[in-house]
Amino acid sequence: MKFIISLFILIISYNSFAGLIEDYEKIKNLGRDLEPTGAICEEIAQVRFAEKYPEPQYRVVTGIEYSDKDGTLGELDIIVFNNQTHIAEVVAEVKCWANSKSGLKKAKDQRQRFLKNVHSSKALKFKWLHEVLLS
């Protein structure tokens, strides 16, 4: 029984690893610096969201910085735009942390900071940091 469980875990691990290899093949030539782990995670998240929200109805982008007159306030990791309504339907944070609890806390903090700034009276400026087109 222990052998069967070990074999099952090995098969799952191999399938997950194979999926990551396929994901990496999709993103490696997109022109973005993939040295930081966060960049790889964001690009893979973009690929996965693009599968769920396909073009031409949607456009999935990474890396939109928001700022006020004093400077940068934060960055939105994944944004799904509806091309028909011109509305952002999904805004998501991507965390690839070994400690998922800490990653979730950080994502929630970033979300709260964004919502606080969006609901404030100050003018915000949004800037797309890089355009990456999926082929």
C-alpha atoms as a PDB file:
ATOM      1  CA  MET A   1       0.000   0.000   0.000  1.00  0.00           C
ATOM      2  CA  LYS A   2       2.830   2.387   0.912  1.00  0.00           C
ATOM      3  CA  PHE A   3       4.475   1.649  -2.457  1.00  0.00           C
ATOM      4  CA  ILE A   4       1.225   2.436  -4.328  1.00  0.00           C
ATOM      5  CA  ILE A   5       0.880   5.776  -2.513  1.00  0.00           C
ATOM      6  CA  SER A   6       4.525   6.614  -3.267  1.00  0.00           C
ATOM      7  CA  LEU A   7       4.030   5.687  -6.913  1.00  0.00           C
ATOM      8  CA  PHE A   8       0.839   7.790  -7.079  1.00  0.00           C
ATOM      9  CA  ILE A   9       2.682  10.805  -5.604  1.00  0.00           C
ATOM     10  CA  LEU A  10       5.528  10.283  -8.077  1.00  0.00           C
ATOM     11  CA  ILE A  11       3.085  10.173 -11.021  1.00  0.00           C
ATOM     12  CA  ILE A  12       1.334  13.330  -9.824  1.00  0.00           C
ATOM     13  CA  SER A  13       4.681  15.067  -9.323  1.00  0.00           C
ATOM     14  CA  TYR A  14       5.823  14.019 -12.803  1.00  0.00           C
ATOM     15  CA  ASN A  15       2.574  15.260 -14.390  1.00  0.00           C
ATOM     16  CA  SER A  16       2.850  18.584 -12.541  1.00  0.00           C
ATOM     17  CA  PHE A  17       6.483  18.915 -13.598  1.00  0.00           C
ATOM     18  CA  ALA A  18       5.577  18.098 -17.213  1.00  0.00           C
ATOM     19  CA  GLY A  19       2.889  20.809 -17.080  1.00  0.00           C
ATOM     20  CA  LEU A  20       5.455  23.315 -15.823  1.00  0.00           C
ATOM     21  CA  ILE A  21       7.805  22.411 -18.671  1.00  0.00           C
ATOM     22  CA  GLU A  22       4.986  23.041 -21.172  1.00  0.00           C
ATOM     23  CA  ASP A  23       4.162  26.340 -19.460  1.00  0.00           C
ATOM     24  CA  TYR A  24       7.808  27.402 -19.537  1.00  0.00           C
ATOM     25  CA  GLU A  25       8.030  26.565 -23.251  1.00  0.00           C
ATOM     26  CA  LYS A  26       5.050  28.886 -23.854  1.00  0.00           C
ATOM     27  CA  ILE A  27       6.619  31.848 -22.023  1.00  0.00           C
ATOM     28  CA  LYS A  28      10.368  31.568 -22.565  1.00  0.00           C
ATOM     29  CA  ASN A  29      10.494  33.571 -25.812  1.00  0.00           C
ATOM     30  CA  LEU A  30       8.026  36.328 -24.940  1.00  0.00           C
ATOM     31  CA  GLY A  31      10.777  38.869 -24.311  1.00  0.00           C
ATOM     32  CA  ARG A  32      10.266  39.355 -20.582  1.00  0.00           C
ATOM     33  CA  ASP A  33      13.108  38.927 -18.067  1.00  0.00           C
ATOM     34  CA  LEU A  34      12.266  35.619 -16.399  1.00  0.00           C
ATOM     35  CA  GLU A  35      15.096  35.736 -13.883  1.00  0.00           C
ATOM     36  CA  PRO A  36      12.901  36.806 -10.950  1.00  0.00           C
ATOM     37  CA  THR A  37      10.688  33.924  -9.796  1.00  0.00           C
ATOM     38  CA  GLY A  38       7.728  36.299  -9.588  1.00  0.00           C
ATOM     39  CA  ALA A  39       8.007  37.068 -13.305  1.00  0.00           C
ATOM     40  CA  ILE A  40       7.804  33.380 -14.194  1.00  0.00           C
ATOM     41  CA  CYS A  41       4.779  32.922 -11.946  1.00  0.00           C
ATOM     42  CA  GLU A  42       3.033  35.970 -13.433  1.00  0.00           C
ATOM     43  CA  GLU A  43       3.646  34.803 -16.988  1.00  0.00           C
ATOM     44  CA  ILE A  44       2.383  31.284 -16.238  1.00  0.00           C
ATOM     45  CA  ALA A  45      -0.656  32.806 -14.519  1.00  0.00           C
ATOM     46  CA  GLN A  46      -1.227  34.902 -17.648  1.00  0.00           C
ATOM     47  CA  VAL A  47      -1.133  31.749 -19.807  1.00  0.00           C
ATOM     48  CA  ARG A  48      -3.610  29.976 -17.509  1.00  0.00           C
ATOM     49  CA  PHE A  49      -5.992  32.970 -17.355  1.00  0.00           C
ATOM     50  CA  ALA A  50      -5.798  33.325 -21.156  1.00  0.00           C
ATOM     51  CA  GLU A  51      -6.988  29.722 -21.444  1.00  0.00           C
ATOM     52  CA  LYS A  52     -10.010  30.545 -19.278  1.00  0.00           C
ATOM     53  CA  TYR A  53     -10.593  34.010 -20.807  1.00  0.00           C
ATOM     54  CA  PRO A  54      -9.693  33.577 -24.509  1.00  0.00           C
ATOM     55  CA  GLU A  55      -9.146  36.247 -27.121  1.00  0.00           C
ATOM     56  CA  PRO A  56     -10.755  38.001 -28.923  1.00  0.00           C
ATOM     57  CA  GLN A  57     -13.386  38.554 -26.214  1.00  0.00           C
ATOM     58  CA  TYR A  58     -10.742  39.050 -23.490  1.00  0.00           C
ATOM     59  CA  ARG A  59      -7.228  40.368 -23.097  1.00  0.00           C
ATOM     60  CA  VAL A  60      -5.115  39.128 -20.187  1.00  0.00           C
ATOM     61  CA  VAL A  61      -2.205  41.335 -19.175  1.00  0.00           C
ATOM     62  CA  THR A  62       0.396  41.421 -16.429  1.00  0.00           C
ATOM     63  CA  GLY A  63       2.094  44.310 -14.738  1.00  0.00           C
ATOM     64  CA  ILE A  64      -0.002  47.458 -14.487  1.00  0.00           C
ATOM     65  CA  GLU A  65       1.529  49.932 -12.098  1.00  0.00           C
ATOM     66  CA  TYR A  66      -0.657  52.474 -10.331  1.00  0.00           C
ATOM     67  CA  SER A  67       0.584  55.715  -8.873  1.00  0.00           C
ATOM     68  CA  ASP A  68      -0.484  59.108  -7.610  1.00  0.00           C
ATOM     69  CA  LYS A  69       1.250  62.485  -7.855  1.00  0.00           C
ATOM     70  CA  ASP A  70       3.792  61.373  -5.237  1.00  0.00           C
ATOM     71  CA  GLY A  71       4.880  58.147  -6.954  1.00  0.00           C
ATOM     72  CA  THR A  72       4.213  54.448  -7.332  1.00  0.00           C
ATOM     73  CA  LEU A  73       1.656  52.917  -4.977  1.00  0.00           C
ATOM     74  CA  GLY A  74       1.619  49.345  -6.267  1.00  0.00           C
ATOM     75  CA  GLU A  75       1.341  46.946  -9.174  1.00  0.00           C
ATOM     76  CA  LEU A  76      -1.496  44.740 -10.348  1.00  0.00           C
ATOM     77  CA  ASP A  77      -0.187  41.315 -11.352  1.00  0.00           C
ATOM     78  CA  ILE A  78      -2.989  39.946 -13.583  1.00  0.00           C
ATOM     79  CA  ILE A  79      -5.801  41.909 -15.191  1.00  0.00           C
ATOM     80  CA  VAL A  80      -8.468  40.405 -17.455  1.00  0.00           C
ATOM     81  CA  PHE A  81     -10.077  43.002 -19.720  1.00  0.00           C
ATOM     82  CA  ASN A  82     -13.330  42.337 -21.530  1.00  0.00           C
ATOM     83  CA  ASN A  83     -12.725  43.715 -25.041  1.00  0.00           C
ATOM     84  CA  GLN A  84     -16.461  44.179 -25.676  1.00  0.00           C
ATOM     85  CA  THR A  85     -17.339  46.104 -22.505  1.00  0.00           C
ATOM     86  CA  HIS A  86     -13.888  47.686 -21.978  1.00  0.00           C
ATOM     87  CA  ILE A  87     -14.083  46.713 -18.306  1.00  0.00           C
ATOM     88  CA  ALA A  88     -11.514  44.906 -16.183  1.00  0.00           C
ATOM     89  CA  GLU A  89     -13.376  41.783 -15.071  1.00  0.00           C
ATOM     90  CA  VAL A  90     -10.603  40.185 -13.021  1.00  0.00           C
ATOM     91  CA  VAL A  91      -7.733  41.682 -11.038  1.00  0.00           C
ATOM     92  CA  ALA A  92      -5.533  39.073  -9.355  1.00  0.00           C
ATOM     93  CA  GLU A  93      -2.364  38.925  -7.324  1.00  0.00           C
ATOM     94  CA  VAL A  94       0.171  36.194  -8.056  1.00  0.00           C
ATOM     95  CA  LYS A  95       2.324  34.810  -5.254  1.00  0.00           C
ATOM     96  CA  CYS A  96       4.841  31.983  -5.609  1.00  0.00           C
ATOM     97  CA  TRP A  97       5.916  31.678  -2.029  1.00  0.00           C
ATOM     98  CA  ALA A  98       7.056  28.570  -0.189  1.00  0.00           C
ATOM     99  CA  ASN A  99       4.778  29.582   2.689  1.00  0.00           C
ATOM    100  CA  SER A 100       1.320  29.849   1.136  1.00  0.00           C
ATOM    101  CA  LYS A 101      -0.163  31.421   4.283  1.00  0.00           C
ATOM    102  CA  SER A 102       2.347  34.293   4.116  1.00  0.00           C
ATOM    103  CA  GLY A 103       1.754  34.647   0.365  1.00  0.00           C
ATOM    104  CA  LEU A 104      -1.994  34.860   0.895  1.00  0.00           C
ATOM    105  CA  LYS A 105      -1.537  37.505   3.603  1.00  0.00           C
ATOM    106  CA  LYS A 106       0.699  39.550   1.300  1.00  0.00           C
ATOM    107  CA  ALA A 107      -1.811  39.262  -1.567  1.00  0.00           C
ATOM    108  CA  LYS A 108      -4.656  40.360   0.714  1.00  0.00           C
ATOM    109  CA  ASP A 109      -2.583  43.325   1.947  1.00  0.00           C
ATOM    110  CA  GLN A 110      -1.841  44.357  -1.656  1.00  0.00           C
ATOM    111  CA  ARG A 111      -5.511  44.009  -2.610  1.00  0.00           C
ATOM    112  CA  GLN A 112      -6.552  46.140   0.359  1.00  0.00           C
ATOM    113  CA  ARG A 113      -3.978  48.812  -0.553  1.00  0.00           C
ATOM    114  CA  PHE A 114      -5.318  48.906  -4.118  1.00  0.00           C
ATOM    115  CA  LEU A 115      -8.954  49.166  -2.999  1.00  0.00           C
ATOM    116  CA  LYS A 116      -8.091  51.895  -0.485  1.00  0.00           C
ATOM    117  CA  ASN A 117      -6.393  53.928  -3.206  1.00  0.00           C
ATOM    118  CA  VAL A 118      -9.120  53.355  -5.798  1.00  0.00           C
ATOM    119  CA  HIS A 119     -11.792  54.498  -3.344  1.00  0.00           C
ATOM    120  CA  SER A 120      -9.808  57.583  -2.262  1.00  0.00           C
ATOM    121  CA  SER A 121     -10.367  61.002  -3.765  1.00  0.00           C
ATOM    122  CA  LYS A 122      -6.839  61.260  -5.185  1.00  0.00           C
ATOM    123  CA  ALA A 123      -6.217  60.933  -8.908  1.00  0.00           C
ATOM    124  CA  LEU A 124      -4.549  57.680  -9.898  1.00  0.00           C
ATOM    125  CA  LYS A 125      -2.455  57.031 -12.961  1.00  0.00           C
ATOM    126  CA  PHE A 126      -2.148  53.524 -14.453  1.00  0.00           C
ATOM    127  CA  LYS A 127       0.837  52.449 -16.543  1.00  0.00           C
ATOM    128  CA  TRP A 128       1.306  49.174 -18.386  1.00  0.00           C
ATOM    129  CA  LEU A 129       4.865  48.132 -17.569  1.00  0.00           C
ATOM    130  CA  HIS A 130       5.329  45.679 -20.435  1.00  0.00           C
ATOM    131  CA  GLU A 131       3.307  44.325 -23.293  1.00  0.00           C
ATOM    132  CA  VAL A 132       3.627  40.585 -23.710  1.00  0.00           C
ATOM    133  CA  LEU A 133       1.675  38.946 -26.500  1.00  0.00           C
ATOM    134  CA  LEU A 134       0.909  35.238 -26.314  1.00  0.00           C
ATOM    135  CA  SER A 135       1.399  33.361 -29.542  1.00  0.00           C
END
